[in-house]
Amino acid sequence: MRFMVQVRSNDVIESGTLPSTELLDAMGQFNEELVKAGVMLAADGLRDSSKGARLAFNGGKVAVTDGPFAETKELIAGFWIVQGKSKEEVIERFKHAPMLDGDVLEIRQIFEAEDFGDNLTPGMRERDARLRASLS
């Protein structure tokens, strides 16, 4: 199973303040452990929302709003894509992430093709497999 572990944003991150050398080093060591364990598929941090945009779709129209966005608790500041046997396994690994007081991680399982059952037709499955193969 694949999971996305989201790092929630906060006022410090949204201010554009960069992490300390010590935190960057600790995060690098944690990421290295995930790679050595064979569970990390991807990971990155995101710039503050002032450098982003939101697209809202309604009635066939798209409204674009440039950042920054007020509700920092609803923003994502970074992520990992990891694989694990269960949500509990991922939780246990990320209990050891080098996070600061007040930081919040959210763990969400990623859909796999088989999760969609018959709604994903054989043609759609073939297209999905072809697209994923072209990404590697």
N, C-alpha and C. Protein backbone atom coordinates (compact mmCIF):
# COMPACT_ATOMS: atom_id res chain seq x y z
N MET A 1 0.83 -1.18 0.00
CA MET A 1 0.00 0.00 0.00
C MET A 1 0.88 1.25 0.00
N ARG A 2 0.38 2.25 -0.69
CA ARG A 2 1.09 3.53 -0.71
C ARG A 2 0.33 4.55 0.14
N PHE A 3 1.11 5.42 0.77
CA PHE A 3 0.54 6.45 1.63
C PHE A 3 1.20 7.79 1.33
N MET A 4 0.43 8.86 1.47
CA MET A 4 0.99 10.21 1.44
C MET A 4 1.01 10.70 2.87
N VAL A 5 2.16 11.16 3.31
CA VAL A 5 2.30 11.78 4.62
C VAL A 5 2.47 13.27 4.35
N GLN A 6 1.49 14.05 4.78
CA GLN A 6 1.49 15.49 4.53
C GLN A 6 2.00 16.23 5.75
N VAL A 7 2.85 17.21 5.51
CA VAL A 7 3.31 18.12 6.56
C VAL A 7 2.41 19.34 6.48
N ARG A 8 1.68 19.61 7.54
CA ARG A 8 0.80 20.77 7.57
C ARG A 8 1.61 22.05 7.75
N SER A 9 1.17 23.10 7.10
CA SER A 9 1.85 24.38 7.19
C SER A 9 1.53 25.05 8.52
N ASN A 10 2.25 26.13 8.79
CA ASN A 10 2.01 26.93 9.99
C ASN A 10 2.51 28.35 9.72
N ASP A 11 2.33 29.22 10.69
CA ASP A 11 2.70 30.63 10.48
C ASP A 11 4.18 30.82 10.18
N VAL A 12 5.05 30.02 10.80
CA VAL A 12 6.50 30.14 10.56
C VAL A 12 6.82 29.77 9.12
N ILE A 13 6.27 28.64 8.66
CA ILE A 13 6.52 28.21 7.28
C ILE A 13 5.96 29.23 6.30
N GLU A 14 4.74 29.71 6.57
CA GLU A 14 4.10 30.68 5.67
C GLU A 14 4.83 32.01 5.63
N SER A 15 5.63 32.31 6.64
CA SER A 15 6.39 33.56 6.64
C SER A 15 7.58 33.50 5.68
N GLY A 16 7.87 32.29 5.17
CA GLY A 16 9.00 32.12 4.27
C GLY A 16 10.30 31.81 5.00
N THR A 17 10.23 31.65 6.32
CA THR A 17 11.41 31.32 7.11
C THR A 17 11.90 29.92 6.74
N LEU A 18 13.16 29.81 6.40
CA LEU A 18 13.72 28.52 6.03
C LEU A 18 14.08 27.70 7.26
N PRO A 19 14.04 26.37 7.15
CA PRO A 19 14.42 25.53 8.29
C PRO A 19 15.90 25.71 8.62
N SER A 20 16.23 25.47 9.87
CA SER A 20 17.62 25.59 10.32
C SER A 20 18.47 24.49 9.70
N THR A 21 19.78 24.69 9.73
CA THR A 21 20.72 23.68 9.26
C THR A 21 20.53 22.38 10.03
N GLU A 22 20.31 22.51 11.35
CA GLU A 22 20.13 21.33 12.19
C GLU A 22 18.88 20.54 11.79
N LEU A 23 17.78 21.25 11.54
CA LEU A 23 16.54 20.56 11.15
C LEU A 23 16.70 19.93 9.76
N LEU A 24 17.34 20.63 8.84
CA LEU A 24 17.57 20.07 7.51
C LEU A 24 18.42 18.80 7.59
N ASP A 25 19.42 18.82 8.46
CA ASP A 25 20.27 17.64 8.62
C ASP A 25 19.48 16.48 9.23
N ALA A 26 18.69 16.76 10.25
CA ALA A 26 17.89 15.71 10.89
C ALA A 26 16.88 15.13 9.89
N MET A 27 16.27 16.00 9.07
CA MET A 27 15.32 15.52 8.07
C MET A 27 16.03 14.69 7.01
N GLY A 28 17.22 15.10 6.63
CA GLY A 28 18.00 14.31 5.67
C GLY A 28 18.32 12.93 6.21
N GLN A 29 18.67 12.86 7.49
CA GLN A 29 18.96 11.56 8.11
C GLN A 29 17.70 10.70 8.18
N PHE A 30 16.57 11.30 8.52
CA PHE A 30 15.31 10.56 8.58
C PHE A 30 14.95 10.03 7.19
N ASN A 31 15.09 10.88 6.17
CA ASN A 31 14.80 10.45 4.79
C ASN A 31 15.73 9.32 4.35
N GLU A 32 16.99 9.42 4.76
CA GLU A 32 17.95 8.36 4.43
C GLU A 32 17.52 7.02 5.05
N GLU A 33 17.00 7.06 6.27
CA GLU A 33 16.50 5.84 6.91
C GLU A 33 15.32 5.26 6.13
N LEU A 34 14.42 6.12 5.66
CA LEU A 34 13.27 5.66 4.88
C LEU A 34 13.72 5.02 3.57
N VAL A 35 14.72 5.61 2.93
CA VAL A 35 15.25 5.06 1.67
C VAL A 35 15.91 3.71 1.94
N LYS A 36 16.74 3.64 2.98
CA LYS A 36 17.42 2.38 3.31
C LYS A 36 16.42 1.28 3.64
N ALA A 37 15.28 1.64 4.25
CA ALA A 37 14.24 0.66 4.58
C ALA A 37 13.42 0.27 3.36
N GLY A 38 13.65 0.98 2.24
CA GLY A 38 12.94 0.66 1.00
C GLY A 38 11.49 1.11 0.98
N VAL A 39 11.13 2.11 1.79
CA VAL A 39 9.73 2.53 1.85
C VAL A 39 9.46 3.88 1.20
N MET A 40 10.48 4.72 1.01
CA MET A 40 10.24 6.06 0.45
C MET A 40 10.19 6.00 -1.06
N LEU A 41 9.12 6.58 -1.62
CA LEU A 41 8.97 6.66 -3.07
C LEU A 41 9.22 8.07 -3.57
N ALA A 42 8.89 9.08 -2.76
CA ALA A 42 9.11 10.49 -3.13
C ALA A 42 8.97 11.33 -1.87
N ALA A 43 9.57 12.51 -1.89
CA ALA A 43 9.43 13.46 -0.78
C ALA A 43 9.89 14.83 -1.24
N ASP A 44 9.18 15.85 -0.81
CA ASP A 44 9.58 17.22 -1.11
C ASP A 44 8.89 18.18 -0.18
N GLY A 45 9.51 19.34 -0.01
CA GLY A 45 8.89 20.44 0.71
C GLY A 45 8.28 21.40 -0.30
N LEU A 46 7.31 22.16 0.14
CA LEU A 46 6.64 23.12 -0.73
C LEU A 46 6.93 24.54 -0.25
N ARG A 47 7.07 25.44 -1.19
CA ARG A 47 7.26 26.85 -0.83
C ARG A 47 5.99 27.38 -0.19
N ASP A 48 6.11 28.51 0.52
CA ASP A 48 4.95 29.09 1.18
C ASP A 48 3.88 29.47 0.15
N SER A 49 2.64 29.61 0.64
CA SER A 49 1.50 29.80 -0.26
C SER A 49 1.52 31.12 -1.01
N SER A 50 2.34 32.08 -0.60
CA SER A 50 2.42 33.34 -1.35
C SER A 50 2.94 33.12 -2.76
N LYS A 51 3.58 31.99 -2.98
CA LYS A 51 4.12 31.68 -4.31
C LYS A 51 3.22 30.71 -5.06
N GLY A 52 2.00 30.46 -4.52
CA GLY A 52 1.08 29.51 -5.12
C GLY A 52 -0.17 30.15 -5.66
N ALA A 53 -1.08 29.32 -6.12
CA ALA A 53 -2.38 29.76 -6.64
C ALA A 53 -3.39 28.65 -6.38
N ARG A 54 -4.67 29.04 -6.31
CA ARG A 54 -5.78 28.09 -6.19
C ARG A 54 -6.67 28.23 -7.41
N LEU A 55 -7.15 27.12 -7.90
CA LEU A 55 -8.11 27.11 -8.99
C LEU A 55 -9.41 26.54 -8.46
N ALA A 56 -10.49 27.28 -8.57
CA ALA A 56 -11.80 26.84 -8.12
C ALA A 56 -12.70 26.67 -9.33
N PHE A 57 -13.30 25.49 -9.45
CA PHE A 57 -14.12 25.13 -10.61
C PHE A 57 -15.59 25.20 -10.23
N ASN A 58 -16.37 25.94 -11.03
CA ASN A 58 -17.79 26.07 -10.74
C ASN A 58 -18.54 26.45 -12.00
N GLY A 59 -19.52 25.64 -12.36
CA GLY A 59 -20.36 25.95 -13.52
C GLY A 59 -19.59 26.07 -14.82
N GLY A 60 -18.56 25.28 -14.98
CA GLY A 60 -17.76 25.32 -16.21
C GLY A 60 -16.76 26.46 -16.27
N LYS A 61 -16.66 27.23 -15.21
CA LYS A 61 -15.69 28.34 -15.15
C LYS A 61 -14.63 28.03 -14.10
N VAL A 62 -13.50 28.68 -14.28
CA VAL A 62 -12.39 28.49 -13.34
C VAL A 62 -11.99 29.86 -12.79
N ALA A 63 -11.99 29.95 -11.45
CA ALA A 63 -11.54 31.17 -10.78
C ALA A 63 -10.14 30.90 -10.23
N VAL A 64 -9.20 31.78 -10.55
CA VAL A 64 -7.82 31.64 -10.09
C VAL A 64 -7.57 32.69 -9.01
N THR A 65 -7.07 32.22 -7.86
CA THR A 65 -6.73 33.11 -6.75
C THR A 65 -5.26 32.90 -6.42
N ASP A 66 -4.48 33.98 -6.47
CA ASP A 66 -3.08 33.90 -6.09
C ASP A 66 -2.95 33.92 -4.57
N GLY A 67 -1.90 33.22 -4.06
CA GLY A 67 -1.62 33.22 -2.63
C GLY A 67 -1.09 34.56 -2.21
N PRO A 68 -0.90 34.78 -0.94
CA PRO A 68 -0.96 33.79 0.14
C PRO A 68 -2.41 33.50 0.56
N PHE A 69 -2.57 32.39 1.27
CA PHE A 69 -3.87 31.95 1.74
C PHE A 69 -3.90 32.06 3.26
N ALA A 70 -5.04 32.51 3.78
CA ALA A 70 -5.16 32.85 5.20
C ALA A 70 -5.13 31.63 6.13
N GLU A 71 -5.79 30.56 5.78
CA GLU A 71 -5.95 29.41 6.69
C GLU A 71 -4.75 28.48 6.61
N THR A 72 -3.68 28.79 7.35
CA THR A 72 -2.46 27.98 7.27
C THR A 72 -2.68 26.55 7.72
N LYS A 73 -3.61 26.31 8.65
CA LYS A 73 -3.83 24.95 9.14
C LYS A 73 -4.39 24.04 8.06
N GLU A 74 -4.88 24.60 6.96
CA GLU A 74 -5.42 23.81 5.86
C GLU A 74 -4.41 23.63 4.73
N LEU A 75 -3.24 24.20 4.87
CA LEU A 75 -2.23 24.14 3.81
C LEU A 75 -1.24 23.01 4.04
N ILE A 76 -0.68 22.52 2.95
CA ILE A 76 0.36 21.49 3.00
C ILE A 76 1.70 22.16 2.76
N ALA A 77 2.68 21.86 3.61
CA ALA A 77 4.01 22.45 3.48
C ALA A 77 5.02 21.49 2.88
N GLY A 78 4.69 20.21 2.83
CA GLY A 78 5.59 19.22 2.27
C GLY A 78 4.93 17.86 2.33
N PHE A 79 5.62 16.86 1.79
CA PHE A 79 5.02 15.53 1.76
C PHE A 79 6.06 14.45 1.56
N TRP A 80 5.68 13.26 1.92
CA TRP A 80 6.39 12.03 1.56
C TRP A 80 5.36 11.13 0.88
N ILE A 81 5.80 10.35 -0.08
CA ILE A 81 5.03 9.23 -0.60
C ILE A 81 5.82 8.00 -0.17
N VAL A 82 5.19 7.16 0.63
CA VAL A 82 5.86 5.98 1.16
C VAL A 82 4.99 4.75 0.92
N GLN A 83 5.62 3.60 1.01
CA GLN A 83 4.86 2.36 0.94
C GLN A 83 5.00 1.64 2.26
N GLY A 84 3.96 0.91 2.60
CA GLY A 84 3.98 0.16 3.85
C GLY A 84 2.92 -0.92 3.82
N LYS A 85 3.02 -1.84 4.75
CA LYS A 85 2.06 -2.95 4.83
C LYS A 85 0.74 -2.49 5.42
N SER A 86 0.77 -1.40 6.21
CA SER A 86 -0.44 -0.92 6.86
C SER A 86 -0.26 0.54 7.27
N LYS A 87 -1.38 1.18 7.56
CA LYS A 87 -1.34 2.54 8.07
C LYS A 87 -0.59 2.57 9.40
N GLU A 88 -0.78 1.54 10.22
CA GLU A 88 -0.12 1.48 11.52
C GLU A 88 1.40 1.45 11.38
N GLU A 89 1.89 0.73 10.37
CA GLU A 89 3.35 0.69 10.13
C GLU A 89 3.87 2.08 9.79
N VAL A 90 3.14 2.80 8.93
CA VAL A 90 3.56 4.14 8.53
C VAL A 90 3.51 5.08 9.74
N ILE A 91 2.46 4.97 10.53
CA ILE A 91 2.35 5.80 11.75
C ILE A 91 3.57 5.56 12.64
N GLU A 92 3.93 4.31 12.85
CA GLU A 92 5.06 4.00 13.72
C GLU A 92 6.35 4.61 13.20
N ARG A 93 6.58 4.54 11.89
CA ARG A 93 7.79 5.14 11.31
C ARG A 93 7.82 6.65 11.52
N PHE A 94 6.68 7.30 11.29
CA PHE A 94 6.65 8.75 11.32
C PHE A 94 6.52 9.32 12.72
N LYS A 95 6.34 8.49 13.71
CA LYS A 95 6.43 8.95 15.10
C LYS A 95 7.85 9.43 15.39
N HIS A 96 8.81 8.99 14.56
CA HIS A 96 10.23 9.32 14.77
C HIS A 96 10.70 10.43 13.82
N ALA A 97 9.78 11.05 13.09
CA ALA A 97 10.16 12.14 12.18
C ALA A 97 10.64 13.34 12.99
N PRO A 98 11.66 14.03 12.50
CA PRO A 98 12.21 15.18 13.24
C PRO A 98 11.35 16.43 13.04
N MET A 99 10.22 16.47 13.73
CA MET A 99 9.31 17.59 13.60
C MET A 99 9.45 18.52 14.81
N LEU A 100 9.04 19.76 14.63
CA LEU A 100 9.10 20.76 15.70
C LEU A 100 7.81 20.74 16.51
N ASP A 101 7.85 21.27 17.74
CA ASP A 101 6.65 21.38 18.56
C ASP A 101 5.56 22.09 17.77
N GLY A 102 4.36 21.52 17.80
CA GLY A 102 3.23 22.12 17.10
C GLY A 102 3.06 21.64 15.67
N ASP A 103 4.07 20.98 15.10
CA ASP A 103 3.95 20.47 13.74
C ASP A 103 2.90 19.36 13.68
N VAL A 104 2.26 19.22 12.54
CA VAL A 104 1.23 18.21 12.35
C VAL A 104 1.52 17.46 11.06
N LEU A 105 1.48 16.13 11.14
CA LEU A 105 1.56 15.28 9.96
C LEU A 105 0.21 14.62 9.76
N GLU A 106 -0.21 14.47 8.51
CA GLU A 106 -1.44 13.76 8.19
C GLU A 106 -1.08 12.62 7.25
N ILE A 107 -1.57 11.43 7.55
CA ILE A 107 -1.27 10.24 6.74
C ILE A 107 -2.54 9.82 6.03
N ARG A 108 -2.45 9.70 4.69
CA ARG A 108 -3.59 9.30 3.88
C ARG A 108 -3.17 8.21 2.92
N GLN A 109 -3.98 7.16 2.82
CA GLN A 109 -3.69 6.08 1.88
C GLN A 109 -4.01 6.56 0.47
N ILE A 110 -3.17 6.17 -0.48
CA ILE A 110 -3.35 6.52 -1.89
C ILE A 110 -4.17 5.43 -2.56
N PHE A 111 -5.12 5.84 -3.40
CA PHE A 111 -5.90 4.87 -4.16
C PHE A 111 -5.00 4.06 -5.08
N GLU A 112 -5.30 2.78 -5.17
CA GLU A 112 -4.69 1.89 -6.16
C GLU A 112 -5.78 1.55 -7.17
N ALA A 113 -5.39 1.13 -8.37
CA ALA A 113 -6.37 0.84 -9.42
C ALA A 113 -7.43 -0.14 -8.95
N GLU A 114 -7.02 -1.17 -8.21
CA GLU A 114 -7.98 -2.20 -7.77
C GLU A 114 -9.03 -1.65 -6.79
N ASP A 115 -8.77 -0.51 -6.17
CA ASP A 115 -9.72 0.07 -5.24
C ASP A 115 -11.01 0.55 -5.93
N PHE A 116 -10.95 0.78 -7.24
CA PHE A 116 -12.08 1.32 -7.97
C PHE A 116 -13.01 0.23 -8.52
N GLY A 117 -12.63 -1.03 -8.34
CA GLY A 117 -13.48 -2.14 -8.77
C GLY A 117 -13.85 -2.04 -10.25
N ASP A 118 -15.11 -2.37 -10.56
CA ASP A 118 -15.58 -2.39 -11.94
C ASP A 118 -15.76 -1.00 -12.54
N ASN A 119 -15.73 0.06 -11.69
CA ASN A 119 -15.86 1.42 -12.22
C ASN A 119 -14.67 1.79 -13.11
N LEU A 120 -13.54 1.14 -12.89
CA LEU A 120 -12.35 1.36 -13.72
C LEU A 120 -12.33 0.25 -14.76
N THR A 121 -12.70 0.59 -15.97
CA THR A 121 -12.85 -0.41 -17.03
C THR A 121 -11.48 -0.97 -17.43
N PRO A 122 -11.46 -2.12 -18.12
CA PRO A 122 -10.18 -2.67 -18.59
C PRO A 122 -9.39 -1.67 -19.44
N GLY A 123 -10.07 -0.90 -20.28
CA GLY A 123 -9.38 0.11 -21.08
C GLY A 123 -8.75 1.19 -20.23
N MET A 124 -9.45 1.60 -19.18
CA MET A 124 -8.91 2.61 -18.27
C MET A 124 -7.71 2.06 -17.51
N ARG A 125 -7.80 0.80 -17.10
CA ARG A 125 -6.68 0.16 -16.39
C ARG A 125 -5.45 0.10 -17.28
N GLU A 126 -5.67 -0.25 -18.55
CA GLU A 126 -4.55 -0.33 -19.51
C GLU A 126 -3.92 1.04 -19.70
N ARG A 127 -4.75 2.08 -19.84
CA ARG A 127 -4.23 3.44 -20.00
C ARG A 127 -3.44 3.85 -18.76
N ASP A 128 -3.98 3.56 -17.57
CA ASP A 128 -3.30 3.90 -16.33
C ASP A 128 -1.93 3.22 -16.25
N ALA A 129 -1.89 1.93 -16.57
CA ALA A 129 -0.63 1.18 -16.53
C ALA A 129 0.37 1.78 -17.53
N ARG A 130 -0.10 2.13 -18.72
CA ARG A 130 0.77 2.72 -19.76
C ARG A 130 1.32 4.07 -19.29
N LEU A 131 0.47 4.90 -18.71
CA LEU A 131 0.92 6.21 -18.23
C LEU A 131 1.95 6.06 -17.10
N ARG A 132 1.68 5.16 -16.16
CA ARG A 132 2.62 4.95 -15.06
C ARG A 132 3.95 4.43 -15.56
N ALA A 133 3.93 3.55 -16.55
CA ALA A 133 5.18 3.00 -17.12
C ALA A 133 5.99 4.12 -17.80
N SER A 134 5.30 5.08 -18.40
CA SER A 134 6.02 6.17 -19.09
C SER A 134 6.66 7.13 -18.10
N LEU A 135 6.22 7.11 -16.84
CA LEU A 135 6.81 7.99 -15.82
C LEU A 135 8.12 7.46 -15.26
N SER A 136 8.35 6.17 -15.37
CA SER A 136 9.57 5.59 -14.77
C SER A 136 10.77 5.76 -15.65
